[in-house]
PDB file of all heavy atoms in Angstrom:
ATOM      1  N   PHE A   1     -72.040  23.819   8.211  1.00  0.00           N
ATOM      2  CA  PHE A   1     -71.735  24.899   7.328  1.00  0.00           C
ATOM      3  C   PHE A   1     -72.059  26.222   8.007  1.00  0.00           C
ATOM      4  O   PHE A   1     -73.232  26.578   8.170  1.00  0.00           O
ATOM      5  CB  PHE A   1     -72.551  24.760   6.005  1.00  0.00           C
ATOM      6  CG  PHE A   1     -72.133  25.708   4.930  1.00  0.00           C
ATOM      7  CD1 PHE A   1     -70.786  25.896   4.568  1.00  0.00           C
ATOM      8  CD2 PHE A   1     -73.118  26.487   4.295  1.00  0.00           C
ATOM      9  CE1 PHE A   1     -70.453  26.776   3.578  1.00  0.00           C
ATOM     10  CE2 PHE A   1     -72.757  27.354   3.280  1.00  0.00           C
ATOM     11  CZ  PHE A   1     -71.421  27.561   2.948  1.00  0.00           C
ATOM     12  N   GLU A   2     -71.017  26.906   8.453  1.00  0.00           N
ATOM     13  CA  GLU A   2     -71.204  28.091   9.242  1.00  0.00           C
ATOM     14  C   GLU A   2     -70.221  29.158   8.792  1.00  0.00           C
ATOM     15  O   GLU A   2     -69.232  28.900   8.135  1.00  0.00           O
ATOM     16  CB  GLU A   2     -70.959  27.791  10.718  1.00  0.00           C
ATOM     17  CG  GLU A   2     -71.854  26.701  11.304  1.00  0.00           C
ATOM     18  CD  GLU A   2     -71.444  26.348  12.724  1.00  0.00           C
ATOM     19  OE1 GLU A   2     -70.551  25.516  12.916  1.00  0.00           O
ATOM     20  OE2 GLU A   2     -72.091  26.908  13.662  1.00  0.00           O
ATOM     21  N   GLY A   3     -70.548  30.417   9.166  1.00  0.00           N
ATOM     22  CA  GLY A   3     -69.641  31.531   8.919  1.00  0.00           C
ATOM     23  C   GLY A   3     -69.518  31.953   7.488  1.00  0.00           C
ATOM     24  O   GLY A   3     -68.570  32.586   7.084  1.00  0.00           O
ATOM     25  N   PHE A   4     -70.500  31.622   6.657  1.00  0.00           N
ATOM     26  CA  PHE A   4     -70.488  31.966   5.253  1.00  0.00           C
ATOM     27  C   PHE A   4     -70.953  33.378   5.017  1.00  0.00           C
ATOM     28  O   PHE A   4     -71.547  34.021   5.819  1.00  0.00           O
ATOM     29  CB  PHE A   4     -71.319  30.989   4.420  1.00  0.00           C
ATOM     30  CG  PHE A   4     -72.713  30.715   4.976  1.00  0.00           C
ATOM     31  CD1 PHE A   4     -73.755  31.575   4.666  1.00  0.00           C
ATOM     32  CD2 PHE A   4     -72.931  29.631   5.757  1.00  0.00           C
ATOM     33  CE1 PHE A   4     -75.027  31.356   5.148  1.00  0.00           C
ATOM     34  CE2 PHE A   4     -74.174  29.369   6.258  1.00  0.00           C
ATOM     35  CZ  PHE A   4     -75.259  30.235   5.972  1.00  0.00           C
ATOM     36  N   TYR A   5     -70.643  33.895   3.839  1.00  0.00           N
ATOM     37  CA  TYR A   5     -70.959  35.256   3.425  1.00  0.00           C
ATOM     38  C   TYR A   5     -72.470  35.423   3.378  1.00  0.00           C
ATOM     39  O   TYR A   5     -73.191  34.572   2.869  1.00  0.00           O
ATOM     40  CB  TYR A   5     -70.351  35.615   2.081  1.00  0.00           C
ATOM     41  CG  TYR A   5     -70.719  36.995   1.589  1.00  0.00           C
ATOM     42  CD1 TYR A   5     -69.967  38.109   1.978  1.00  0.00           C
ATOM     43  CD2 TYR A   5     -71.773  37.166   0.704  1.00  0.00           C
ATOM     44  CE1 TYR A   5     -70.273  39.347   1.529  1.00  0.00           C
ATOM     45  CE2 TYR A   5     -72.119  38.454   0.244  1.00  0.00           C
ATOM     46  CZ  TYR A   5     -71.335  39.529   0.661  1.00  0.00           C
ATOM     47  OH  TYR A   5     -71.692  40.767   0.187  1.00  0.00           O
ATOM     48  N   LYS A   6     -72.987  36.563   3.903  1.00  0.00           N
ATOM     49  CA  LYS A   6     -74.440  36.788   3.952  1.00  0.00           C
ATOM     50  C   LYS A   6     -74.723  38.188   3.389  1.00  0.00           C
ATOM     51  O   LYS A   6     -73.970  39.137   3.604  1.00  0.00           O
ATOM     52  CB  LYS A   6     -74.982  36.684   5.388  1.00  0.00           C
ATOM     53  CG  LYS A   6     -74.701  35.318   6.045  1.00  0.00           C
ATOM     54  CD  LYS A   6     -75.213  35.321   7.481  1.00  0.00           C
ATOM     55  CE  LYS A   6     -74.845  34.058   8.219  1.00  0.00           C
ATOM     56  NZ  LYS A   6     -73.438  33.948   8.459  1.00  0.00           N
ATOM     57  N   ASN A   7     -75.883  38.292   2.682  1.00  0.00           N
ATOM     58  CA  ASN A   7     -76.397  39.591   2.249  1.00  0.00           C
ATOM     59  C   ASN A   7     -77.891  39.499   2.243  1.00  0.00           C
ATOM     60  O   ASN A   7     -78.506  38.565   2.823  1.00  0.00           O
ATOM     61  CB  ASN A   7     -75.801  39.991   0.912  1.00  0.00           C
ATOM     62  CG  ASN A   7     -76.180  39.088  -0.222  1.00  0.00           C
ATOM     63  OD1 ASN A   7     -77.045  38.233  -0.070  1.00  0.00           O
ATOM     64  ND2 ASN A   7     -75.580  39.264  -1.357  1.00  0.00           N
ATOM     65  N   GLU A   8     -78.525  40.465   1.585  1.00  0.00           N
ATOM     66  CA  GLU A   8     -80.035  40.565   1.644  1.00  0.00           C
ATOM     67  C   GLU A   8     -80.673  39.370   0.969  1.00  0.00           C
ATOM     68  O   GLU A   8     -81.943  39.130   1.126  1.00  0.00           O
ATOM     69  CB  GLU A   8     -80.509  41.859   1.034  1.00  0.00           C
ATOM     70  CG  GLU A   8     -80.300  42.006  -0.500  1.00  0.00           C
ATOM     71  CD  GLU A   8     -78.899  42.591  -0.818  1.00  0.00           C
ATOM     72  OE1 GLU A   8     -78.019  42.553   0.025  1.00  0.00           O
ATOM     73  OE2 GLU A   8     -78.774  43.023  -1.970  1.00  0.00           O
ATOM     74  N   HIS A   9     -79.926  38.585   0.152  1.00  0.00           N
ATOM     75  CA  HIS A   9     -80.486  37.419  -0.539  1.00  0.00           C
ATOM     76  C   HIS A   9     -80.285  36.108   0.213  1.00  0.00           C
ATOM     77  O   HIS A   9     -80.718  35.080  -0.241  1.00  0.00           O
ATOM     78  CB  HIS A   9     -79.913  37.341  -1.916  1.00  0.00           C
ATOM     79  CG  HIS A   9     -80.102  38.509  -2.822  1.00  0.00           C
ATOM     80  ND1 HIS A   9     -81.338  39.002  -3.144  1.00  0.00           N
ATOM     81  CD2 HIS A   9     -79.198  39.398  -3.310  1.00  0.00           C
ATOM     82  CE1 HIS A   9     -81.172  40.086  -3.886  1.00  0.00           C
ATOM     83  NE2 HIS A   9     -79.915  40.363  -4.000  1.00  0.00           N
ATOM     84  N   THR A  10     -79.613  36.167   1.304  1.00  0.00           N
ATOM     85  CA  THR A  10     -79.281  34.944   2.055  1.00  0.00           C
ATOM     86  C   THR A  10     -80.427  34.535   2.930  1.00  0.00           C
ATOM     87  O   THR A  10     -80.939  35.313   3.798  1.00  0.00           O
ATOM     88  CB  THR A  10     -78.029  35.160   2.957  1.00  0.00           C
ATOM     89  OG1 THR A  10     -76.973  35.593   2.138  1.00  0.00           O
ATOM     90  CG2 THR A  10     -77.653  33.869   3.668  1.00  0.00           C
ATOM     91  N   THR A  11     -80.932  33.311   2.782  1.00  0.00           N
ATOM     92  CA  THR A  11     -81.960  32.726   3.579  1.00  0.00           C
ATOM     93  C   THR A  11     -81.515  31.437   4.296  1.00  0.00           C
ATOM     94  O   THR A  11     -82.200  30.948   5.154  1.00  0.00           O
ATOM     95  CB  THR A  11     -83.248  32.443   2.786  1.00  0.00           C
ATOM     96  OG1 THR A  11     -82.898  31.503   1.705  1.00  0.00           O
ATOM     97  CG2 THR A  11     -83.806  33.679   2.119  1.00  0.00           C
ATOM     98  N   LEU A  12     -80.326  30.945   3.852  1.00  0.00           N
ATOM     99  CA  LEU A  12     -79.891  29.642   4.403  1.00  0.00           C
ATOM    100  C   LEU A  12     -79.399  29.857   5.845  1.00  0.00           C
ATOM    101  O   LEU A  12     -78.569  30.681   6.149  1.00  0.00           O
ATOM    102  CB  LEU A  12     -78.721  29.123   3.561  1.00  0.00           C
ATOM    103  CG  LEU A  12     -78.142  27.797   3.973  1.00  0.00           C
ATOM    104  CD1 LEU A  12     -79.100  26.677   3.669  1.00  0.00           C
ATOM    105  CD2 LEU A  12     -76.777  27.537   3.273  1.00  0.00           C
ATOM    106  N   PRO A  13     -79.950  29.025   6.787  1.00  0.00           N
ATOM    107  CA  PRO A  13     -79.451  29.147   8.200  1.00  0.00           C
ATOM    108  C   PRO A  13     -78.132  28.449   8.361  1.00  0.00           C
ATOM    109  O   PRO A  13     -77.792  27.520   7.605  1.00  0.00           O
ATOM    110  CB  PRO A  13     -80.542  28.430   8.955  1.00  0.00           C
ATOM    111  CG  PRO A  13     -81.135  27.449   7.993  1.00  0.00           C
ATOM    112  CD  PRO A  13     -81.043  28.058   6.666  1.00  0.00           C
ATOM    113  N   GLU A  14     -77.359  28.901   9.337  1.00  0.00           N
ATOM    114  CA  GLU A  14     -76.120  28.201   9.669  1.00  0.00           C
ATOM    115  C   GLU A  14     -76.434  26.865  10.360  1.00  0.00           C
ATOM    116  O   GLU A  14     -77.407  26.770  11.103  1.00  0.00           O
ATOM    117  CB  GLU A  14     -75.259  29.070  10.575  1.00  0.00           C
ATOM    118  CG  GLU A  14     -74.738  30.322   9.879  1.00  0.00           C
ATOM    119  CD  GLU A  14     -73.599  30.954  10.675  1.00  0.00           C
ATOM    120  OE1 GLU A  14     -73.260  30.457  11.774  1.00  0.00           O
ATOM    121  OE2 GLU A  14     -72.993  31.933  10.135  1.00  0.00           O
ATOM    122  N   ARG A  15     -75.634  25.882  10.061  1.00  0.00           N
ATOM    123  CA  ARG A  15     -75.821  24.545  10.668  1.00  0.00           C
ATOM    124  C   ARG A  15     -74.511  24.020  11.161  1.00  0.00           C
ATOM    125  O   ARG A  15     -73.497  24.026  10.424  1.00  0.00           O
ATOM    126  CB  ARG A  15     -76.444  23.600   9.642  1.00  0.00           C
ATOM    127  CG  ARG A  15     -77.848  23.981   9.202  1.00  0.00           C
ATOM    128  CD  ARG A  15     -78.386  22.997   8.165  1.00  0.00           C
ATOM    129  NE  ARG A  15     -79.727  23.365   7.738  1.00  0.00           N
ATOM    130  CZ  ARG A  15     -80.384  22.729   6.785  1.00  0.00           C
ATOM    131  NH1 ARG A  15     -79.859  21.725   6.186  1.00  0.00           N
ATOM    132  NH2 ARG A  15     -81.605  23.118   6.446  1.00  0.00           N
ATOM    133  N   HIS A  16     -74.470  23.482  12.368  1.00  0.00           N
ATOM    134  CA  HIS A  16     -73.295  22.866  12.874  1.00  0.00           C
ATOM    135  C   HIS A  16     -73.398  21.352  12.899  1.00  0.00           C
ATOM    136  O   HIS A  16     -72.428  20.701  13.230  1.00  0.00           O
ATOM    137  CB  HIS A  16     -72.983  23.408  14.350  1.00  0.00           C
ATOM    138  CG  HIS A  16     -74.000  22.982  15.333  1.00  0.00           C
ATOM    139  ND1 HIS A  16     -75.195  23.647  15.530  1.00  0.00           N
ATOM    140  CD2 HIS A  16     -74.019  21.934  16.174  1.00  0.00           C
ATOM    141  CE1 HIS A  16     -75.919  23.042  16.478  1.00  0.00           C
ATOM    142  NE2 HIS A  16     -75.195  21.997  16.902  1.00  0.00           N
ATOM    143  N   ASP A  17     -74.602  20.856  12.610  1.00  0.00           N
ATOM    144  CA  ASP A  17     -74.761  19.397  12.533  1.00  0.00           C
ATOM    145  C   ASP A  17     -75.763  19.114  11.434  1.00  0.00           C
ATOM    146  O   ASP A  17     -76.953  19.403  11.578  1.00  0.00           O
ATOM    147  CB  ASP A  17     -75.276  18.885  13.886  1.00  0.00           C
ATOM    148  CG  ASP A  17     -75.322  17.377  13.933  1.00  0.00           C
ATOM    149  OD1 ASP A  17     -74.766  16.736  13.014  1.00  0.00           O
ATOM    150  OD2 ASP A  17     -75.927  16.825  14.880  1.00  0.00           O
ATOM    151  N   ARG A  18     -75.272  18.526  10.379  1.00  0.00           N
ATOM    152  CA  ARG A  18     -76.135  18.233   9.243  1.00  0.00           C
ATOM    153  C   ARG A  18     -75.688  16.903   8.579  1.00  0.00           C
ATOM    154  O   ARG A  18     -74.575  16.390   8.898  1.00  0.00           O
ATOM    155  CB  ARG A  18     -76.031  19.334   8.167  1.00  0.00           C
ATOM    156  CG  ARG A  18     -74.644  19.450   7.589  1.00  0.00           C
ATOM    157  CD  ARG A  18     -74.645  20.420   6.412  1.00  0.00           C
ATOM    158  NE  ARG A  18     -73.277  20.522   5.833  1.00  0.00           N
ATOM    159  CZ  ARG A  18     -72.957  21.234   4.728  1.00  0.00           C
ATOM    160  NH1 ARG A  18     -73.907  21.920   4.109  1.00  0.00           N
ATOM    161  NH2 ARG A  18     -71.730  21.251   4.273  1.00  0.00           N
ATOM    162  N   ILE A  19     -76.517  16.375   7.693  1.00  0.00           N
ATOM    163  CA  ILE A  19     -76.096  15.196   6.872  1.00  0.00           C
ATOM    164  C   ILE A  19     -75.239  15.687   5.736  1.00  0.00           C
ATOM    165  O   ILE A  19     -75.575  16.682   5.062  1.00  0.00           O
ATOM    166  CB  ILE A  19     -77.336  14.479   6.339  1.00  0.00           C
ATOM    167  CG1 ILE A  19     -78.075  13.744   7.518  1.00  0.00           C
ATOM    168  CG2 ILE A  19     -77.006  13.481   5.277  1.00  0.00           C
ATOM    169  CD1 ILE A  19     -79.352  13.051   7.090  1.00  0.00           C
ATOM    170  N   LEU A  20     -74.158  15.042   5.532  1.00  0.00           N
ATOM    171  CA  LEU A  20     -73.264  15.300   4.371  1.00  0.00           C
ATOM    172  C   LEU A  20     -73.435  14.134   3.398  1.00  0.00           C
ATOM    173  O   LEU A  20     -73.106  12.989   3.742  1.00  0.00           O
ATOM    174  CB  LEU A  20     -71.850  15.517   4.759  1.00  0.00           C
ATOM    175  CG  LEU A  20     -70.920  16.112   3.683  1.00  0.00           C
ATOM    176  CD1 LEU A  20     -69.721  16.813   4.336  1.00  0.00           C
ATOM    177  CD2 LEU A  20     -70.379  15.052   2.727  1.00  0.00           C
ATOM    178  N   CYS A  21     -73.987  14.398   2.222  1.00  0.00           N
ATOM    179  CA  CYS A  21     -74.259  13.330   1.278  1.00  0.00           C
ATOM    180  C   CYS A  21     -73.985  13.855  -0.112  1.00  0.00           C
ATOM    181  O   CYS A  21     -74.255  15.003  -0.443  1.00  0.00           O
ATOM    182  CB  CYS A  21     -75.754  12.864   1.397  1.00  0.00           C
ATOM    183  SG  CYS A  21     -76.246  11.599   0.237  1.00  0.00           S
ATOM    184  N   GLY A  22     -73.438  12.980  -0.936  1.00  0.00           N
ATOM    185  CA  GLY A  22     -73.197  13.433  -2.319  1.00  0.00           C
ATOM    186  C   GLY A  22     -72.718  12.274  -3.212  1.00  0.00           C
ATOM    187  O   GLY A  22     -72.451  11.157  -2.736  1.00  0.00           O
ATOM    188  N   GLU A  23     -72.709  12.561  -4.468  1.00  0.00           N
ATOM    189  CA  GLU A  23     -72.232  11.572  -5.492  1.00  0.00           C
ATOM    190  C   GLU A  23     -70.873  12.103  -5.988  1.00  0.00           C
ATOM    191  O   GLU A  23     -70.773  13.233  -6.456  1.00  0.00           O
ATOM    192  CB  GLU A  23     -73.269  11.451  -6.624  1.00  0.00           C
ATOM    193  CG  GLU A  23     -72.895  10.397  -7.664  1.00  0.00           C
ATOM    194  CD  GLU A  23     -73.956  10.241  -8.701  1.00  0.00           C
ATOM    195  OE1 GLU A  23     -74.991   9.555  -8.383  1.00  0.00           O
ATOM    196  OE2 GLU A  23     -73.848  10.795  -9.801  1.00  0.00           O
ATOM    197  N   LEU A  24     -69.895  11.235  -5.857  1.00  0.00           N
ATOM    198  CA  LEU A  24     -68.534  11.700  -6.114  1.00  0.00           C
ATOM    199  C   LEU A  24     -68.004  11.173  -7.461  1.00  0.00           C
ATOM    200  O   LEU A  24     -68.262  10.029  -7.838  1.00  0.00           O
ATOM    201  CB  LEU A  24     -67.645  11.180  -4.974  1.00  0.00           C
ATOM    202  CG  LEU A  24     -66.148  11.618  -5.036  1.00  0.00           C
ATOM    203  CD1 LEU A  24     -65.679  12.027  -3.683  1.00  0.00           C
ATOM    204  CD2 LEU A  24     -65.260  10.468  -5.545  1.00  0.00           C
TER     205      LEU A  24
END
């Protein structure tokens, strides 16, 4: 998850390698 919108409230770092997990 990279290249997302950022402002003064953004603390999430960009990641190019992460676990993708969810309930569908």
